[in-house]
Amino acid sequence: MKPTNNHINYVEFKAHDLEVIKRFYTTVFGWQFTDYGEHYIAFEASGISGGFEKTEQPITNGALIVIYHDNLNVAKAKILELGGTLSVAIFSFPGGRRFQFLDPSGNELSVWCHE
């Protein structure tokens, strides 16, 4: 399905052990996984696409909601104009580019686009 501007289409979680997480969600829910190196796995067949990022840090709120927008600079400018702050600058990843931001209440989300 083609991503639509301003729609949530991906969710990311943190995990301490990607193999344990992959086995858990595959066995319990039938999710399908794609490995992207030793620090990231993506999942499908869950109702919404998503991924798990490996971390050594304690996990207090491990979900990152990811919103699609075809112009990162426009989305970033609107976020900053309306009181949001940038928490992670724009960076590239396999398949696109993205950044993370804090909304005025401190919730962290991400915006991505295709390359």
N, C-alpha and C. Protein backbone atom coordinates (compact mmCIF):
# COMPACT_ATOMS: atom_id res chain seq x y z
N MET A 1 0.85 -1.17 0.00
CA MET A 1 0.00 0.00 0.00
C MET A 1 0.89 1.24 0.00
N LYS A 2 0.56 2.20 -0.83
CA LYS A 2 1.32 3.43 -0.92
C LYS A 2 1.06 4.30 0.32
N PRO A 3 2.13 4.81 0.98
CA PRO A 3 1.93 5.67 2.14
C PRO A 3 1.19 6.95 1.77
N THR A 4 0.41 7.44 2.69
CA THR A 4 -0.36 8.66 2.52
C THR A 4 0.16 9.71 3.48
N ASN A 5 0.30 10.95 2.99
CA ASN A 5 0.77 12.03 3.85
C ASN A 5 -0.04 12.11 5.13
N ASN A 6 0.66 12.34 6.22
CA ASN A 6 0.08 12.61 7.52
C ASN A 6 -0.61 11.42 8.18
N HIS A 7 -0.43 10.21 7.65
CA HIS A 7 -1.01 8.99 8.23
C HIS A 7 0.07 8.21 8.97
N ILE A 8 -0.31 7.62 10.10
CA ILE A 8 0.60 6.71 10.79
C ILE A 8 0.67 5.44 9.96
N ASN A 9 1.88 5.02 9.60
CA ASN A 9 1.98 3.80 8.82
C ASN A 9 3.09 2.88 9.31
N TYR A 10 3.69 3.20 10.47
CA TYR A 10 4.81 2.40 10.96
C TYR A 10 4.94 2.68 12.45
N VAL A 11 5.33 1.68 13.20
CA VAL A 11 5.57 1.86 14.63
C VAL A 11 6.86 1.13 14.99
N GLU A 12 7.69 1.76 15.79
CA GLU A 12 8.94 1.15 16.21
C GLU A 12 8.94 0.92 17.72
N PHE A 13 9.54 -0.20 18.10
CA PHE A 13 9.71 -0.55 19.50
C PHE A 13 11.19 -0.73 19.79
N LYS A 14 11.55 -0.68 21.04
CA LYS A 14 12.90 -0.98 21.50
C LYS A 14 12.93 -2.43 21.97
N ALA A 15 14.09 -3.07 21.91
CA ALA A 15 14.24 -4.44 22.38
C ALA A 15 15.66 -4.66 22.85
N HIS A 16 15.81 -5.49 23.87
CA HIS A 16 17.14 -5.83 24.36
C HIS A 16 17.76 -7.00 23.60
N ASP A 17 16.94 -7.91 23.10
CA ASP A 17 17.43 -9.08 22.37
C ASP A 17 16.52 -9.31 21.17
N LEU A 18 17.02 -9.01 19.98
CA LEU A 18 16.19 -9.10 18.78
C LEU A 18 15.77 -10.53 18.45
N GLU A 19 16.62 -11.50 18.71
CA GLU A 19 16.25 -12.89 18.42
C GLU A 19 15.11 -13.37 19.32
N VAL A 20 15.16 -12.99 20.60
CA VAL A 20 14.08 -13.36 21.52
C VAL A 20 12.77 -12.71 21.09
N ILE A 21 12.84 -11.42 20.73
CA ILE A 21 11.64 -10.69 20.30
C ILE A 21 11.07 -11.30 19.02
N LYS A 22 11.94 -11.61 18.07
CA LYS A 22 11.50 -12.19 16.80
C LYS A 22 10.80 -13.54 17.04
N ARG A 23 11.40 -14.38 17.86
CA ARG A 23 10.81 -15.68 18.17
C ARG A 23 9.46 -15.51 18.88
N PHE A 24 9.39 -14.57 19.82
CA PHE A 24 8.16 -14.32 20.57
C PHE A 24 7.01 -13.92 19.64
N TYR A 25 7.20 -12.87 18.83
CA TYR A 25 6.10 -12.37 18.00
C TYR A 25 5.79 -13.28 16.82
N THR A 26 6.78 -14.03 16.33
CA THR A 26 6.51 -15.00 15.27
C THR A 26 5.66 -16.15 15.81
N THR A 27 6.03 -16.65 16.96
CA THR A 27 5.33 -17.79 17.55
C THR A 27 3.94 -17.42 18.06
N VAL A 28 3.84 -16.30 18.76
CA VAL A 28 2.57 -15.92 19.37
C VAL A 28 1.58 -15.37 18.34
N PHE A 29 2.05 -14.49 17.45
CA PHE A 29 1.13 -13.77 16.55
C PHE A 29 1.33 -14.05 15.06
N GLY A 30 2.37 -14.79 14.68
CA GLY A 30 2.60 -15.09 13.28
C GLY A 30 3.20 -13.96 12.47
N TRP A 31 3.79 -12.96 13.15
CA TRP A 31 4.41 -11.86 12.43
C TRP A 31 5.60 -12.38 11.62
N GLN A 32 5.90 -11.67 10.52
CA GLN A 32 7.03 -12.00 9.66
C GLN A 32 8.09 -10.92 9.81
N PHE A 33 9.37 -11.33 9.86
CA PHE A 33 10.46 -10.39 10.12
C PHE A 33 11.48 -10.34 9.00
N THR A 34 12.09 -9.17 8.84
CA THR A 34 13.22 -8.96 7.95
C THR A 34 14.35 -8.36 8.79
N ASP A 35 15.52 -8.97 8.72
CA ASP A 35 16.69 -8.47 9.46
C ASP A 35 17.37 -7.36 8.67
N TYR A 36 17.73 -6.29 9.36
CA TYR A 36 18.51 -5.19 8.78
C TYR A 36 19.74 -4.98 9.66
N GLY A 37 20.68 -5.89 9.56
CA GLY A 37 21.88 -5.81 10.38
C GLY A 37 21.63 -6.34 11.78
N GLU A 38 22.56 -6.09 12.66
CA GLU A 38 22.47 -6.64 14.01
C GLU A 38 21.70 -5.77 14.99
N HIS A 39 21.25 -4.59 14.55
CA HIS A 39 20.59 -3.66 15.47
C HIS A 39 19.14 -3.34 15.11
N TYR A 40 18.61 -3.97 14.04
CA TYR A 40 17.24 -3.62 13.63
C TYR A 40 16.57 -4.77 12.91
N ILE A 41 15.30 -5.01 13.24
CA ILE A 41 14.46 -5.95 12.51
C ILE A 41 13.12 -5.27 12.23
N ALA A 42 12.59 -5.52 11.04
CA ALA A 42 11.29 -4.97 10.66
C ALA A 42 10.27 -6.10 10.67
N PHE A 43 8.99 -5.77 10.94
CA PHE A 43 7.96 -6.79 10.94
C PHE A 43 6.80 -6.41 10.03
N GLU A 44 6.09 -7.46 9.56
CA GLU A 44 4.90 -7.33 8.73
C GLU A 44 3.87 -8.34 9.24
N ALA A 45 2.72 -8.37 8.58
CA ALA A 45 1.64 -9.30 8.90
C ALA A 45 1.11 -9.07 10.31
N SER A 46 1.10 -7.80 10.74
CA SER A 46 0.66 -7.45 12.09
C SER A 46 -0.48 -6.44 12.09
N GLY A 47 -0.91 -6.01 10.92
CA GLY A 47 -1.93 -4.97 10.83
C GLY A 47 -1.34 -3.62 10.52
N ILE A 48 -0.10 -3.38 10.94
CA ILE A 48 0.66 -2.17 10.62
C ILE A 48 2.12 -2.59 10.59
N SER A 49 2.88 -2.02 9.68
CA SER A 49 4.30 -2.35 9.60
C SER A 49 5.04 -1.70 10.76
N GLY A 50 6.15 -2.30 11.12
CA GLY A 50 6.94 -1.75 12.21
C GLY A 50 8.29 -2.41 12.33
N GLY A 51 8.96 -2.09 13.42
CA GLY A 51 10.28 -2.66 13.63
C GLY A 51 10.68 -2.61 15.09
N PHE A 52 11.78 -3.30 15.38
CA PHE A 52 12.38 -3.29 16.70
C PHE A 52 13.83 -2.86 16.56
N GLU A 53 14.23 -1.89 17.37
CA GLU A 53 15.61 -1.42 17.41
C GLU A 53 16.27 -1.94 18.67
N LYS A 54 17.45 -2.52 18.51
CA LYS A 54 18.17 -3.05 19.67
C LYS A 54 18.70 -1.90 20.51
N THR A 55 18.56 -2.03 21.83
CA THR A 55 19.07 -1.02 22.75
C THR A 55 19.60 -1.70 24.00
N GLU A 56 20.57 -1.08 24.61
CA GLU A 56 21.08 -1.53 25.90
C GLU A 56 20.48 -0.70 27.03
N GLN A 57 19.81 0.39 26.68
CA GLN A 57 19.22 1.29 27.66
C GLN A 57 17.95 0.69 28.26
N PRO A 58 17.59 1.09 29.47
CA PRO A 58 16.30 0.67 30.02
C PRO A 58 15.16 1.14 29.11
N ILE A 59 14.14 0.33 28.98
CA ILE A 59 13.01 0.68 28.13
C ILE A 59 11.84 1.12 29.01
N THR A 60 11.50 2.41 28.92
CA THR A 60 10.38 2.92 29.71
C THR A 60 9.15 3.13 28.84
N ASN A 61 9.33 3.61 27.64
CA ASN A 61 8.25 3.74 26.66
C ASN A 61 8.88 3.39 25.33
N GLY A 62 8.83 2.12 24.97
CA GLY A 62 9.58 1.63 23.84
C GLY A 62 8.94 1.81 22.48
N ALA A 63 7.80 2.47 22.37
CA ALA A 63 7.13 2.62 21.08
C ALA A 63 7.45 3.98 20.45
N LEU A 64 7.71 3.97 19.15
CA LEU A 64 7.91 5.20 18.39
C LEU A 64 6.93 5.17 17.23
N ILE A 65 5.96 6.07 17.22
CA ILE A 65 4.99 6.17 16.14
C ILE A 65 5.65 6.91 14.98
N VAL A 66 5.50 6.37 13.77
CA VAL A 66 6.16 6.94 12.60
C VAL A 66 5.07 7.37 11.60
N ILE A 67 5.13 8.64 11.19
CA ILE A 67 4.15 9.25 10.29
C ILE A 67 4.82 9.48 8.94
N TYR A 68 4.11 9.21 7.86
CA TYR A 68 4.66 9.45 6.52
C TYR A 68 4.34 10.87 6.07
N HIS A 69 5.33 11.51 5.43
CA HIS A 69 5.11 12.79 4.74
C HIS A 69 6.11 12.86 3.60
N ASP A 70 5.66 13.23 2.39
CA ASP A 70 6.56 13.20 1.24
C ASP A 70 7.55 14.36 1.20
N ASN A 71 7.47 15.30 2.12
CA ASN A 71 8.42 16.41 2.17
C ASN A 71 8.84 16.64 3.62
N LEU A 72 10.00 16.09 3.99
CA LEU A 72 10.45 16.20 5.38
C LEU A 72 10.67 17.64 5.81
N ASN A 73 11.17 18.47 4.93
CA ASN A 73 11.45 19.86 5.30
C ASN A 73 10.17 20.64 5.61
N VAL A 74 9.12 20.40 4.85
CA VAL A 74 7.83 21.05 5.11
C VAL A 74 7.27 20.57 6.45
N ALA A 75 7.28 19.26 6.67
CA ALA A 75 6.77 18.72 7.93
C ALA A 75 7.57 19.24 9.11
N LYS A 76 8.89 19.25 9.00
CA LYS A 76 9.75 19.73 10.08
C LYS A 76 9.48 21.20 10.39
N ALA A 77 9.34 22.02 9.35
CA ALA A 77 9.07 23.45 9.56
C ALA A 77 7.75 23.67 10.30
N LYS A 78 6.72 22.92 9.93
CA LYS A 78 5.42 23.06 10.61
C LYS A 78 5.52 22.63 12.08
N ILE A 79 6.23 21.55 12.33
CA ILE A 79 6.41 21.06 13.70
C ILE A 79 7.09 22.12 14.55
N LEU A 80 8.17 22.68 14.04
CA LEU A 80 8.93 23.69 14.79
C LEU A 80 8.12 24.97 14.98
N GLU A 81 7.38 25.36 13.96
CA GLU A 81 6.56 26.57 14.02
C GLU A 81 5.47 26.47 15.09
N LEU A 82 4.97 25.26 15.31
CA LEU A 82 3.86 25.08 16.24
C LEU A 82 4.29 24.56 17.62
N GLY A 83 5.56 24.73 17.94
CA GLY A 83 6.02 24.44 19.30
C GLY A 83 6.66 23.08 19.50
N GLY A 84 6.83 22.30 18.45
CA GLY A 84 7.55 21.04 18.57
C GLY A 84 9.05 21.29 18.54
N THR A 85 9.82 20.30 18.95
CA THR A 85 11.28 20.41 18.91
C THR A 85 11.85 19.17 18.24
N LEU A 86 12.98 19.36 17.60
CA LEU A 86 13.66 18.26 16.92
C LEU A 86 14.45 17.46 17.95
N SER A 87 14.25 16.14 18.00
CA SER A 87 15.02 15.31 18.92
C SER A 87 16.10 14.50 18.20
N VAL A 88 15.89 14.19 16.92
CA VAL A 88 16.88 13.53 16.08
C VAL A 88 16.82 14.17 14.70
N ALA A 89 17.94 14.69 14.25
CA ALA A 89 18.01 15.36 12.94
C ALA A 89 17.72 14.38 11.80
N ILE A 90 17.41 14.91 10.64
CA ILE A 90 17.13 14.08 9.46
C ILE A 90 18.32 13.18 9.17
N PHE A 91 18.02 11.89 8.95
CA PHE A 91 19.06 10.93 8.60
C PHE A 91 18.49 9.93 7.60
N SER A 92 19.39 9.26 6.88
CA SER A 92 19.00 8.26 5.89
C SER A 92 18.99 6.87 6.52
N PHE A 93 18.14 6.00 6.00
CA PHE A 93 18.08 4.59 6.39
C PHE A 93 17.71 3.82 5.13
N PRO A 94 17.83 2.49 5.11
CA PRO A 94 17.46 1.75 3.90
C PRO A 94 16.01 2.01 3.51
N GLY A 95 15.80 2.68 2.40
CA GLY A 95 14.46 2.95 1.91
C GLY A 95 13.97 4.37 2.09
N GLY A 96 14.71 5.22 2.77
CA GLY A 96 14.23 6.58 2.93
C GLY A 96 15.05 7.44 3.86
N ARG A 97 14.40 8.50 4.33
CA ARG A 97 15.00 9.43 5.29
C ARG A 97 13.95 9.73 6.35
N ARG A 98 14.41 10.18 7.54
CA ARG A 98 13.47 10.51 8.59
C ARG A 98 14.10 11.40 9.63
N PHE A 99 13.25 11.92 10.52
CA PHE A 99 13.70 12.64 11.71
C PHE A 99 12.72 12.33 12.84
N GLN A 100 13.13 12.67 14.05
CA GLN A 100 12.26 12.48 15.21
C GLN A 100 12.05 13.83 15.89
N PHE A 101 10.87 13.97 16.51
CA PHE A 101 10.54 15.24 17.15
C PHE A 101 9.77 14.99 18.44
N LEU A 102 9.75 16.02 19.28
CA LEU A 102 8.93 16.02 20.48
C LEU A 102 7.78 16.98 20.24
N ASP A 103 6.55 16.53 20.52
CA ASP A 103 5.41 17.44 20.40
C ASP A 103 5.41 18.38 21.61
N PRO A 104 4.52 19.36 21.66
CA PRO A 104 4.54 20.32 22.77
C PRO A 104 4.37 19.68 24.16
N SER A 105 3.87 18.45 24.24
CA SER A 105 3.74 17.77 25.53
C SER A 105 4.91 16.85 25.84
N GLY A 106 5.84 16.73 24.89
CA GLY A 106 7.02 15.88 25.11
C GLY A 106 6.93 14.49 24.55
N ASN A 107 5.85 14.15 23.83
CA ASN A 107 5.75 12.85 23.17
C ASN A 107 6.68 12.81 21.97
N GLU A 108 7.46 11.73 21.83
CA GLU A 108 8.38 11.62 20.70
C GLU A 108 7.75 10.80 19.58
N LEU A 109 7.77 11.35 18.37
CA LEU A 109 7.28 10.69 17.17
C LEU A 109 8.33 10.87 16.08
N SER A 110 8.10 10.25 14.94
CA SER A 110 9.00 10.35 13.81
C SER A 110 8.22 10.64 12.53
N VAL A 111 8.89 11.28 11.58
CA VAL A 111 8.32 11.52 10.25
C VAL A 111 9.32 10.97 9.24
N TRP A 112 8.81 10.24 8.23
CA TRP A 112 9.71 9.68 7.22
C TRP A 112 9.20 9.94 5.83
N CYS A 113 10.07 9.78 4.85
CA CYS A 113 9.71 9.82 3.43
C CYS A 113 10.62 8.86 2.66
N HIS A 114 10.16 8.50 1.47
CA HIS A 114 11.02 7.70 0.58
C HIS A 114 12.21 8.56 0.18
N GLU A 115 13.28 7.90 -0.25
CA GLU A 115 14.48 8.65 -0.68
C GLU A 115 14.19 9.48 -1.90
